[in-house]
Amino acid sequence: MNILFYLIILVLGATVGYKKLLSEQSLEKLSKLQNVALLFLLFIMGINIGLDRDIIASFGVIGFQAVLLAVSSIIFSVIGVRLVSKRIDVGQKGEEVGHDH
């Protein structure tokens, strides 16, 4: 599929979320569906990895690089969230409340 299609779908979803067009009950159902879809995607990716003999043969090198990339991603994500959260307060209902300087 064309990347433009994916971007359009992403923007449509962001618009629906931003305008709060879905009920709380619908959001809870979507959250469960999202988890199931993610698990299914990981399962399919696992099948594809298992079928590729080259990946299995080079698992040692790929494994180390993957762990390094994953750990780096986690560390820098936490740092980024902490930096941003110091500048933004989130109210109990999720509204953004900026600091007055």
PDB file of N, CA and C in Angstrom:
ATOM      1  N   MET A   1       0.834  -1.193   0.000  1.00  0.00           N
ATOM      2  CA  MET A   1       0.000   0.000   0.000  1.00  0.00           C
ATOM      3  C   MET A   1       0.873   1.248   0.000  1.00  0.00           C
ATOM      4  N   ASN A   2       0.310   2.294  -0.459  1.00  0.00           N
ATOM      5  CA  ASN A   2       0.996   3.570  -0.545  1.00  0.00           C
ATOM      6  C   ASN A   2       1.093   4.216   0.843  1.00  0.00           C
ATOM      7  N   ILE A   3       2.223   4.827   1.151  1.00  0.00           N
ATOM      8  CA  ILE A   3       2.413   5.458   2.457  1.00  0.00           C
ATOM      9  C   ILE A   3       1.424   6.596   2.683  1.00  0.00           C
ATOM     10  N   LEU A   4       0.978   7.234   1.616  1.00  0.00           N
ATOM     11  CA  LEU A   4      -0.003   8.310   1.737  1.00  0.00           C
ATOM     12  C   LEU A   4      -1.297   7.789   2.363  1.00  0.00           C
ATOM     13  N   PHE A   5      -1.688   6.581   2.002  1.00  0.00           N
ATOM     14  CA  PHE A   5      -2.883   5.964   2.583  1.00  0.00           C
ATOM     15  C   PHE A   5      -2.735   5.829   4.094  1.00  0.00           C
ATOM     16  N   TYR A   6      -1.572   5.360   4.544  1.00  0.00           N
ATOM     17  CA  TYR A   6      -1.321   5.201   5.982  1.00  0.00           C
ATOM     18  C   TYR A   6      -1.362   6.552   6.692  1.00  0.00           C
ATOM     19  N   LEU A   7      -0.793   7.562   6.075  1.00  0.00           N
ATOM     20  CA  LEU A   7      -0.795   8.894   6.678  1.00  0.00           C
ATOM     21  C   LEU A   7      -2.208   9.461   6.776  1.00  0.00           C
ATOM     22  N   ILE A   8      -3.019   9.235   5.751  1.00  0.00           N
ATOM     23  CA  ILE A   8      -4.407   9.710   5.773  1.00  0.00           C
ATOM     24  C   ILE A   8      -5.177   9.036   6.907  1.00  0.00           C
ATOM     25  N   ILE A   9      -5.009   7.733   7.044  1.00  0.00           N
ATOM     26  CA  ILE A   9      -5.684   6.999   8.117  1.00  0.00           C
ATOM     27  C   ILE A   9      -5.233   7.519   9.478  1.00  0.00           C
ATOM     28  N   LEU A  10      -3.933   7.766   9.636  1.00  0.00           N
ATOM     29  CA  LEU A  10      -3.402   8.290  10.893  1.00  0.00           C
ATOM     30  C   LEU A  10      -3.991   9.662  11.215  1.00  0.00           C
ATOM     31  N   VAL A  11      -4.054  10.539  10.225  1.00  0.00           N
ATOM     32  CA  VAL A  11      -4.604  11.885  10.431  1.00  0.00           C
ATOM     33  C   VAL A  11      -6.098  11.808  10.760  1.00  0.00           C
ATOM     34  N   LEU A  12      -6.832  10.929  10.087  1.00  0.00           N
ATOM     35  CA  LEU A  12      -8.255  10.763  10.398  1.00  0.00           C
ATOM     36  C   LEU A  12      -8.449  10.302  11.839  1.00  0.00           C
ATOM     37  N   GLY A  13      -7.653   9.336  12.262  1.00  0.00           N
ATOM     38  CA  GLY A  13      -7.740   8.856  13.639  1.00  0.00           C
ATOM     39  C   GLY A  13      -7.393   9.938  14.645  1.00  0.00           C
ATOM     40  N   ALA A  14      -6.351  10.702  14.350  1.00  0.00           N
ATOM     41  CA  ALA A  14      -5.958  11.795  15.241  1.00  0.00           C
ATOM     42  C   ALA A  14      -7.062  12.843  15.324  1.00  0.00           C
ATOM     43  N   THR A  15      -7.726  13.106  14.216  1.00  0.00           N
ATOM     44  CA  THR A  15      -8.821  14.081  14.199  1.00  0.00           C
ATOM     45  C   THR A  15      -9.993  13.596  15.046  1.00  0.00           C
ATOM     46  N   VAL A  16     -10.346  12.329  14.904  1.00  0.00           N
ATOM     47  CA  VAL A  16     -11.433  11.756  15.712  1.00  0.00           C
ATOM     48  C   VAL A  16     -11.080  11.844  17.195  1.00  0.00           C
ATOM     49  N   GLY A  17      -9.835  11.530  17.543  1.00  0.00           N
ATOM     50  CA  GLY A  17      -9.414  11.618  18.935  1.00  0.00           C
ATOM     51  C   GLY A  17      -9.392  13.036  19.452  1.00  0.00           C
ATOM     52  N   TYR A  18      -8.866  13.946  18.662  1.00  0.00           N
ATOM     53  CA  TYR A  18      -8.749  15.348  19.071  1.00  0.00           C
ATOM     54  C   TYR A  18     -10.116  15.986  19.300  1.00  0.00           C
ATOM     55  N   LYS A  19     -11.067  15.651  18.435  1.00  0.00           N
ATOM     56  CA  LYS A  19     -12.413  16.230  18.546  1.00  0.00           C
ATOM     57  C   LYS A  19     -13.297  15.449  19.516  1.00  0.00           C
ATOM     58  N   LYS A  20     -12.743  14.376  20.092  1.00  0.00           N
ATOM     59  CA  LYS A  20     -13.454  13.545  21.075  1.00  0.00           C
ATOM     60  C   LYS A  20     -14.806  13.090  20.535  1.00  0.00           C
ATOM     61  N   LEU A  21     -14.776  12.482  19.352  1.00  0.00           N
ATOM     62  CA  LEU A  21     -15.996  12.050  18.680  1.00  0.00           C
ATOM     63  C   LEU A  21     -16.498  10.689  19.153  1.00  0.00           C
ATOM     64  N   LEU A  22     -15.706   9.993  19.963  1.00  0.00           N
ATOM     65  CA  LEU A  22     -16.099   8.669  20.432  1.00  0.00           C
ATOM     66  C   LEU A  22     -16.445   8.708  21.916  1.00  0.00           C
ATOM     67  N   SER A  23     -17.389   7.858  22.308  1.00  0.00           N
ATOM     68  CA  SER A  23     -17.782   7.778  23.716  1.00  0.00           C
ATOM     69  C   SER A  23     -16.696   7.065  24.521  1.00  0.00           C
ATOM     70  N   GLU A  24     -16.776   7.208  25.831  1.00  0.00           N
ATOM     71  CA  GLU A  24     -15.817   6.554  26.728  1.00  0.00           C
ATOM     72  C   GLU A  24     -15.890   5.037  26.569  1.00  0.00           C
ATOM     73  N   GLN A  25     -17.095   4.506  26.393  1.00  0.00           N
ATOM     74  CA  GLN A  25     -17.285   3.067  26.208  1.00  0.00           C
ATOM     75  C   GLN A  25     -16.616   2.598  24.910  1.00  0.00           C
ATOM     76  N   SER A  26     -16.754   3.377  23.856  1.00  0.00           N
ATOM     77  CA  SER A  26     -16.110   3.036  22.582  1.00  0.00           C
ATOM     78  C   SER A  26     -14.596   3.052  22.717  1.00  0.00           C
ATOM     79  N   LEU A  27     -14.068   4.018  23.461  1.00  0.00           N
ATOM     80  CA  LEU A  27     -12.618   4.102  23.657  1.00  0.00           C
ATOM     81  C   LEU A  27     -12.088   2.897  24.421  1.00  0.00           C
ATOM     82  N   GLU A  28     -12.849   2.417  25.410  1.00  0.00           N
ATOM     83  CA  GLU A  28     -12.440   1.225  26.153  1.00  0.00           C
ATOM     84  C   GLU A  28     -12.401   0.006  25.233  1.00  0.00           C
ATOM     85  N   LYS A  29     -13.409  -0.128  24.368  1.00  0.00           N
ATOM     86  CA  LYS A  29     -13.439  -1.247  23.421  1.00  0.00           C
ATOM     87  C   LYS A  29     -12.284  -1.142  22.427  1.00  0.00           C
ATOM     88  N   LEU A  30     -11.998   0.076  21.971  1.00  0.00           N
ATOM     89  CA  LEU A  30     -10.885   0.276  21.042  1.00  0.00           C
ATOM     90  C   LEU A  30      -9.551  -0.069  21.691  1.00  0.00           C
ATOM     91  N   SER A  31      -9.418   0.226  22.971  1.00  0.00           N
ATOM     92  CA  SER A  31      -8.186  -0.096  23.681  1.00  0.00           C
ATOM     93  C   SER A  31      -7.957  -1.609  23.702  1.00  0.00           C
ATOM     94  N   LYS A  32      -9.009  -2.361  23.974  1.00  0.00           N
ATOM     95  CA  LYS A  32      -8.901  -3.826  23.973  1.00  0.00           C
ATOM     96  C   LYS A  32      -8.587  -4.344  22.570  1.00  0.00           C
ATOM     97  N   LEU A  33      -9.271  -3.780  21.572  1.00  0.00           N
ATOM     98  CA  LEU A  33      -9.030  -4.182  20.186  1.00  0.00           C
ATOM     99  C   LEU A  33      -7.592  -3.874  19.774  1.00  0.00           C
ATOM    100  N   GLN A  34      -7.084  -2.736  20.206  1.00  0.00           N
ATOM    101  CA  GLN A  34      -5.709  -2.351  19.888  1.00  0.00           C
ATOM    102  C   GLN A  34      -4.720  -3.361  20.468  1.00  0.00           C
ATOM    103  N   ASN A  35      -4.949  -3.805  21.693  1.00  0.00           N
ATOM    104  CA  ASN A  35      -4.061  -4.794  22.303  1.00  0.00           C
ATOM    105  C   ASN A  35      -4.101  -6.121  21.554  1.00  0.00           C
ATOM    106  N   VAL A  36      -5.293  -6.567  21.178  1.00  0.00           N
ATOM    107  CA  VAL A  36      -5.425  -7.822  20.429  1.00  0.00           C
ATOM    108  C   VAL A  36      -4.734  -7.702  19.076  1.00  0.00           C
ATOM    109  N   ALA A  37      -4.933  -6.574  18.392  1.00  0.00           N
ATOM    110  CA  ALA A  37      -4.308  -6.368  17.084  1.00  0.00           C
ATOM    111  C   ALA A  37      -2.789  -6.343  17.199  1.00  0.00           C
ATOM    112  N   LEU A  38      -2.272  -5.726  18.251  1.00  0.00           N
ATOM    113  CA  LEU A  38      -0.824  -5.683  18.457  1.00  0.00           C
ATOM    114  C   LEU A  38      -0.266  -7.082  18.695  1.00  0.00           C
ATOM    115  N   LEU A  39      -0.936  -7.872  19.521  1.00  0.00           N
ATOM    116  CA  LEU A  39      -0.483  -9.242  19.769  1.00  0.00           C
ATOM    117  C   LEU A  39      -0.516 -10.069  18.488  1.00  0.00           C
ATOM    118  N   PHE A  40      -1.556  -9.898  17.685  1.00  0.00           N
ATOM    119  CA  PHE A  40      -1.657 -10.609  16.413  1.00  0.00           C
ATOM    120  C   PHE A  40      -0.520 -10.202  15.479  1.00  0.00           C
ATOM    121  N   LEU A  41      -0.236  -8.912  15.405  1.00  0.00           N
ATOM    122  CA  LEU A  41       0.859  -8.414  14.571  1.00  0.00           C
ATOM    123  C   LEU A  41       2.198  -9.002  15.020  1.00  0.00           C
ATOM    124  N   LEU A  42       2.444  -9.026  16.327  1.00  0.00           N
ATOM    125  CA  LEU A  42       3.687  -9.610  16.842  1.00  0.00           C
ATOM    126  C   LEU A  42       3.778 -11.098  16.501  1.00  0.00           C
ATOM    127  N   PHE A  43       2.657 -11.803  16.581  1.00  0.00           N
ATOM    128  CA  PHE A  43       2.623 -13.220  16.233  1.00  0.00           C
ATOM    129  C   PHE A  43       2.989 -13.430  14.768  1.00  0.00           C
ATOM    130  N   ILE A  44       2.397 -12.642  13.878  1.00  0.00           N
ATOM    131  CA  ILE A  44       2.689 -12.740  12.444  1.00  0.00           C
ATOM    132  C   ILE A  44       4.156 -12.410  12.169  1.00  0.00           C
ATOM    133  N   MET A  45       4.676 -11.381  12.839  1.00  0.00           N
ATOM    134  CA  MET A  45       6.093 -11.038  12.670  1.00  0.00           C
ATOM    135  C   MET A  45       6.979 -12.188  13.136  1.00  0.00           C
ATOM    136  N   GLY A  46       6.597 -12.836  14.225  1.00  0.00           N
ATOM    137  CA  GLY A  46       7.352 -13.989  14.716  1.00  0.00           C
ATOM    138  C   GLY A  46       7.371 -15.126  13.704  1.00  0.00           C
ATOM    139  N   ILE A  47       6.246 -15.364  13.058  1.00  0.00           N
ATOM    140  CA  ILE A  47       6.186 -16.394  12.014  1.00  0.00           C
ATOM    141  C   ILE A  47       7.152 -16.047  10.884  1.00  0.00           C
ATOM    142  N   ASN A  48       7.126 -14.792  10.435  1.00  0.00           N
ATOM    143  CA  ASN A  48       8.015 -14.371   9.343  1.00  0.00           C
ATOM    144  C   ASN A  48       9.483 -14.487   9.736  1.00  0.00           C
ATOM    145  N   ILE A  49       9.808 -14.155  10.964  1.00  0.00           N
ATOM    146  CA  ILE A  49      11.196 -14.295  11.432  1.00  0.00           C
ATOM    147  C   ILE A  49      11.586 -15.766  11.456  1.00  0.00           C
ATOM    148  N   GLY A  50      10.688 -16.614  11.952  1.00  0.00           N
ATOM    149  CA  GLY A  50      10.974 -18.045  12.016  1.00  0.00           C
ATOM    150  C   GLY A  50      11.160 -18.682  10.648  1.00  0.00           C
ATOM    151  N   LEU A  51      10.505 -18.151   9.634  1.00  0.00           N
ATOM    152  CA  LEU A  51      10.621 -18.690   8.280  1.00  0.00           C
ATOM    153  C   LEU A  51      11.897 -18.253   7.570  1.00  0.00           C
ATOM    154  N   ASP A  52      12.523 -17.190   8.025  1.00  0.00           N
ATOM    155  CA  ASP A  52      13.715 -16.645   7.367  1.00  0.00           C
ATOM    156  C   ASP A  52      14.974 -17.263   7.979  1.00  0.00           C
ATOM    157  N   ARG A  53      15.583 -18.197   7.261  1.00  0.00           N
ATOM    158  CA  ARG A  53      16.761 -18.924   7.764  1.00  0.00           C
ATOM    159  C   ARG A  53      17.962 -17.999   7.973  1.00  0.00           C
ATOM    160  N   ASP A  54      18.085 -16.954   7.158  1.00  0.00           N
ATOM    161  CA  ASP A  54      19.203 -16.017   7.315  1.00  0.00           C
ATOM    162  C   ASP A  54      19.120 -15.277   8.648  1.00  0.00           C
ATOM    163  N   ILE A  55      17.920 -14.892   9.025  1.00  0.00           N
ATOM    164  CA  ILE A  55      17.754 -14.206  10.308  1.00  0.00           C
ATOM    165  C   ILE A  55      18.084 -15.154  11.452  1.00  0.00           C
ATOM    166  N   ILE A  56      17.610 -16.379  11.374  1.00  0.00           N
ATOM    167  CA  ILE A  56      17.891 -17.354  12.427  1.00  0.00           C
ATOM    168  C   ILE A  56      19.392 -17.599  12.535  1.00  0.00           C
ATOM    169  N   ALA A  57      20.078 -17.697  11.395  1.00  0.00           N
ATOM    170  CA  ALA A  57      21.523 -17.957  11.398  1.00  0.00           C
ATOM    171  C   ALA A  57      22.315 -16.802  12.006  1.00  0.00           C
ATOM    172  N   SER A  58      21.850 -15.584  11.840  1.00  0.00           N
ATOM    173  CA  SER A  58      22.590 -14.424  12.356  1.00  0.00           C
ATOM    174  C   SER A  58      21.938 -13.840  13.606  1.00  0.00           C
ATOM    175  N   PHE A  59      21.242 -14.668  14.356  1.00  0.00           N
ATOM    176  CA  PHE A  59      20.528 -14.208  15.542  1.00  0.00           C
ATOM    177  C   PHE A  59      21.443 -13.610  16.602  1.00  0.00           C
ATOM    178  N   GLY A  60      22.657 -14.118  16.726  1.00  0.00           N
ATOM    179  CA  GLY A  60      23.591 -13.594  17.727  1.00  0.00           C
ATOM    180  C   GLY A  60      23.884 -12.125  17.523  1.00  0.00           C
ATOM    181  N   VAL A  61      24.261 -11.761  16.313  1.00  0.00           N
ATOM    182  CA  VAL A  61      24.582 -10.364  16.003  1.00  0.00           C
ATOM    183  C   VAL A  61      23.321  -9.513  16.027  1.00  0.00           C
ATOM    184  N   ILE A  62      22.277  -9.994  15.376  1.00  0.00           N
ATOM    185  CA  ILE A  62      21.024  -9.243  15.329  1.00  0.00           C
ATOM    186  C   ILE A  62      20.450  -9.086  16.733  1.00  0.00           C
ATOM    187  N   GLY A  63      20.541 -10.127  17.535  1.00  0.00           N
ATOM    188  CA  GLY A  63      20.010 -10.078  18.897  1.00  0.00           C
ATOM    189  C   GLY A  63      20.672  -9.000  19.730  1.00  0.00           C
ATOM    190  N   PHE A  64      22.007  -8.924  19.668  1.00  0.00           N
ATOM    191  CA  PHE A  64      22.726  -7.900  20.426  1.00  0.00           C
ATOM    192  C   PHE A  64      22.339  -6.506  19.954  1.00  0.00           C
ATOM    193  N   GLN A  65      22.287  -6.314  18.643  1.00  0.00           N
ATOM    194  CA  GLN A  65      21.911  -5.004  18.102  1.00  0.00           C
ATOM    195  C   GLN A  65      20.475  -4.645  18.484  1.00  0.00           C
ATOM    196  N   ALA A  66      19.593  -5.621  18.464  1.00  0.00           N
ATOM    197  CA  ALA A  66      18.194  -5.369  18.813  1.00  0.00           C
ATOM    198  C   ALA A  66      18.059  -4.976  20.280  1.00  0.00           C
ATOM    199  N   VAL A  67      18.788  -5.668  21.150  1.00  0.00           N
ATOM    200  CA  VAL A  67      18.746  -5.332  22.574  1.00  0.00           C
ATOM    201  C   VAL A  67      19.298  -3.932  22.799  1.00  0.00           C
ATOM    202  N   LEU A  68      20.410  -3.618  22.151  1.00  0.00           N
ATOM    203  CA  LEU A  68      21.005  -2.289  22.281  1.00  0.00           C
ATOM    204  C   LEU A  68      20.038  -1.209  21.789  1.00  0.00           C
ATOM    205  N   LEU A  69      19.408  -1.441  20.661  1.00  0.00           N
ATOM    206  CA  LEU A  69      18.446  -0.481  20.117  1.00  0.00           C
ATOM    207  C   LEU A  69      17.231  -0.336  21.034  1.00  0.00           C
ATOM    208  N   ALA A  70      16.720  -1.444  21.548  1.00  0.00           N
ATOM    209  CA  ALA A  70      15.547  -1.397  22.427  1.00  0.00           C
ATOM    210  C   ALA A  70      15.855  -0.653  23.721  1.00  0.00           C
ATOM    211  N   VAL A  71      16.998  -0.965  24.333  1.00  0.00           N
ATOM    212  CA  VAL A  71      17.373  -0.298  25.585  1.00  0.00           C
ATOM    213  C   VAL A  71      17.586   1.191  25.352  1.00  0.00           C
ATOM    214  N   SER A  72      18.249   1.541  24.263  1.00  0.00           N
ATOM    215  CA  SER A  72      18.462   2.960  23.943  1.00  0.00           C
ATOM    216  C   SER A  72      17.132   3.675  23.726  1.00  0.00           C
ATOM    217  N   SER A  73      16.221   3.035  23.023  1.00  0.00           N
ATOM    218  CA  SER A  73      14.901   3.627  22.781  1.00  0.00           C
ATOM    219  C   SER A  73      14.160   3.874  24.087  1.00  0.00           C
ATOM    220  N   ILE A  74      14.213   2.909  24.985  1.00  0.00           N
ATOM    221  CA  ILE A  74      13.530   3.054  26.272  1.00  0.00           C
ATOM    222  C   ILE A  74      14.146   4.187  27.083  1.00  0.00           C
ATOM    223  N   ILE A  75      15.472   4.206  27.167  1.00  0.00           N
ATOM    224  CA  ILE A  75      16.157   5.236  27.957  1.00  0.00           C
ATOM    225  C   ILE A  75      15.836   6.628  27.428  1.00  0.00           C
ATOM    226  N   PHE A  76      15.975   6.824  26.123  1.00  0.00           N
ATOM    227  CA  PHE A  76      15.735   8.154  25.564  1.00  0.00           C
ATOM    228  C   PHE A  76      14.252   8.530  25.572  1.00  0.00           C
ATOM    229  N   SER A  77      13.356   7.551  25.509  1.00  0.00           N
ATOM    230  CA  SER A  77      11.927   7.844  25.641  1.00  0.00           C
ATOM    231  C   SER A  77      11.610   8.346  27.044  1.00  0.00           C
ATOM    232  N   VAL A  78      12.173   7.691  28.052  1.00  0.00           N
ATOM    233  CA  VAL A  78      11.957   8.118  29.436  1.00  0.00           C
ATOM    234  C   VAL A  78      12.518   9.519  29.655  1.00  0.00           C
ATOM    235  N   ILE A  79      13.715   9.765  29.141  1.00  0.00           N
ATOM    236  CA  ILE A  79      14.317  11.103  29.266  1.00  0.00           C
ATOM    237  C   ILE A  79      13.428  12.144  28.587  1.00  0.00           C
ATOM    238  N   GLY A  80      12.957  11.848  27.391  1.00  0.00           N
ATOM    239  CA  GLY A  80      12.095  12.776  26.663  1.00  0.00           C
ATOM    240  C   GLY A  80      10.796  13.062  27.397  1.00  0.00           C
ATOM    241  N   VAL A  81      10.166  12.024  27.934  1.00  0.00           N
ATOM    242  CA  VAL A  81       8.916  12.206  28.673  1.00  0.00           C
ATOM    243  C   VAL A  81       9.149  13.055  29.915  1.00  0.00           C
ATOM    244  N   ARG A  82      10.235  12.808  30.609  1.00  0.00           N
ATOM    245  CA  ARG A  82      10.528  13.607  31.813  1.00  0.00           C
ATOM    246  C   ARG A  82      10.771  15.069  31.467  1.00  0.00           C
ATOM    247  N   LEU A  83      11.486  15.324  30.382  1.00  0.00           N
ATOM    248  CA  LEU A  83      11.736  16.708  29.982  1.00  0.00           C
ATOM    249  C   LEU A  83      10.441  17.419  29.600  1.00  0.00           C
ATOM    250  N   VAL A  84       9.598  16.731  28.847  1.00  0.00           N
ATOM    251  CA  VAL A  84       8.337  17.335  28.412  1.00  0.00           C
ATOM    252  C   VAL A  84       7.370  17.480  29.583  1.00  0.00           C
ATOM    253  N   SER A  85       7.310  16.479  30.463  1.00  0.00           N
ATOM    254  CA  SER A  85       6.351  16.534  31.568  1.00  0.00           C
ATOM    255  C   SER A  85       6.685  17.631  32.567  1.00  0.00           C
ATOM    256  N   LYS A  86       7.925  18.072  32.609  1.00  0.00           N
ATOM    257  CA  LYS A  86       8.277  19.187  33.486  1.00  0.00           C
ATOM    258  C   LYS A  86       7.669  20.484  32.976  1.00  0.00           C
ATOM    259  N   ARG A  87       7.390  20.554  31.689  1.00  0.00           N
ATOM    260  CA  ARG A  87       6.838  21.770  31.090  1.00  0.00           C
ATOM    261  C   ARG A  87       5.319  21.740  30.972  1.00  0.00           C
ATOM    262  N   ILE A  88       4.730  20.571  31.107  1.00  0.00           N
ATOM    263  CA  ILE A  88       3.280  20.440  30.920  1.00  0.00           C
ATOM    264  C   ILE A  88       2.687  19.716  32.122  1.00  0.00           C
ATOM    265  N   ASP A  89       1.624  20.272  32.685  1.00  0.00           N
ATOM    266  CA  ASP A  89       0.854  19.575  33.714  1.00  0.00           C
ATOM    267  C   ASP A  89      -0.356  18.980  33.031  1.00  0.00           C
ATOM    268  N   VAL A  90      -0.721  17.775  33.429  1.00  0.00           N
ATOM    269  CA  VAL A  90      -1.920  17.159  32.877  1.00  0.00           C
ATOM    270  C   VAL A  90      -2.947  17.090  33.997  1.00  0.00           C
ATOM    271  N   GLY A  91      -4.123  17.695  33.760  1.00  0.00           N
ATOM    272  CA  GLY A  91      -5.180  17.694  34.761  1.00  0.00           C
ATOM    273  C   GLY A  91      -5.750  16.304  34.952  1.00  0.00           C
ATOM    274  N   GLN A  92      -6.628  16.156  35.936  1.00  0.00           N
ATOM    275  CA  GLN A  92      -7.198  14.846  36.235  1.00  0.00           C
ATOM    276  C   GLN A  92      -7.991  14.273  35.069  1.00  0.00           C
ATOM    277  N   LYS A  93      -8.616  15.132  34.284  1.00  0.00           N
ATOM    278  CA  LYS A  93      -9.416  14.644  33.159  1.00  0.00           C
ATOM    279  C   LYS A  93      -8.642  14.659  31.855  1.00  0.00           C
ATOM    280  N   GLY A  94      -7.335  14.936  31.915  1.00  0.00           N
ATOM    281  CA  GLY A  94      -6.510  14.872  30.728  1.00  0.00           C
ATOM    282  C   GLY A  94      -6.328  16.173  30.001  1.00  0.00           C
ATOM    283  N   GLU A  95      -6.869  17.299  30.532  1.00  0.00           N
ATOM    284  CA  GLU A  95      -6.663  18.565  29.846  1.00  0.00           C
ATOM    285  C   GLU A  95      -5.248  19.048  30.109  1.00  0.00           C
ATOM    286  N   GLU A  96      -4.672  19.692  29.121  1.00  0.00           N
ATOM    287  CA  GLU A  96      -3.340  20.259  29.304  1.00  0.00           C
ATOM    288  C   GLU A  96      -3.468  21.593  30.013  1.00  0.00           C
ATOM    289  N   VAL A  97      -2.601  21.786  30.999  1.00  0.00           N
ATOM    290  CA  VAL A  97      -2.559  23.051  31.711  1.00  0.00           C
ATOM    291  C   VAL A  97      -1.117  23.508  31.692  1.00  0.00           C
ATOM    292  N   GLY A  98      -0.836  24.599  31.015  1.00  0.00           N
ATOM    293  CA  GLY A  98       0.540  25.082  30.897  1.00  0.00           C
ATOM    294  C   GLY A  98       0.969  25.839  32.136  1.00  0.00           C
ATOM    295  N   HIS A  99       2.278  25.912  32.354  1.00  0.00           N
ATOM    296  CA  HIS A  99       2.837  26.695  33.453  1.00  0.00           C
ATOM    297  C   HIS A  99       2.842  28.164  33.082  1.00  0.00           C
ATOM    298  N   ASP A 100       2.551  29.024  34.038  1.00  0.00           N
ATOM    299  CA  ASP A 100       2.672  30.468  33.821  1.00  0.00           C
ATOM    300  C   ASP A 100       4.064  30.901  34.219  1.00  0.00           C
ATOM    301  N   HIS A 101       4.780  31.560  33.328  1.00  0.00           N
ATOM    302  CA  HIS A 101       6.151  32.013  33.631  1.00  0.00           C
ATOM    303  C   HIS A 101       6.198  33.490  33.692  1.00  0.00           C
TER     304      HIS A 101
END
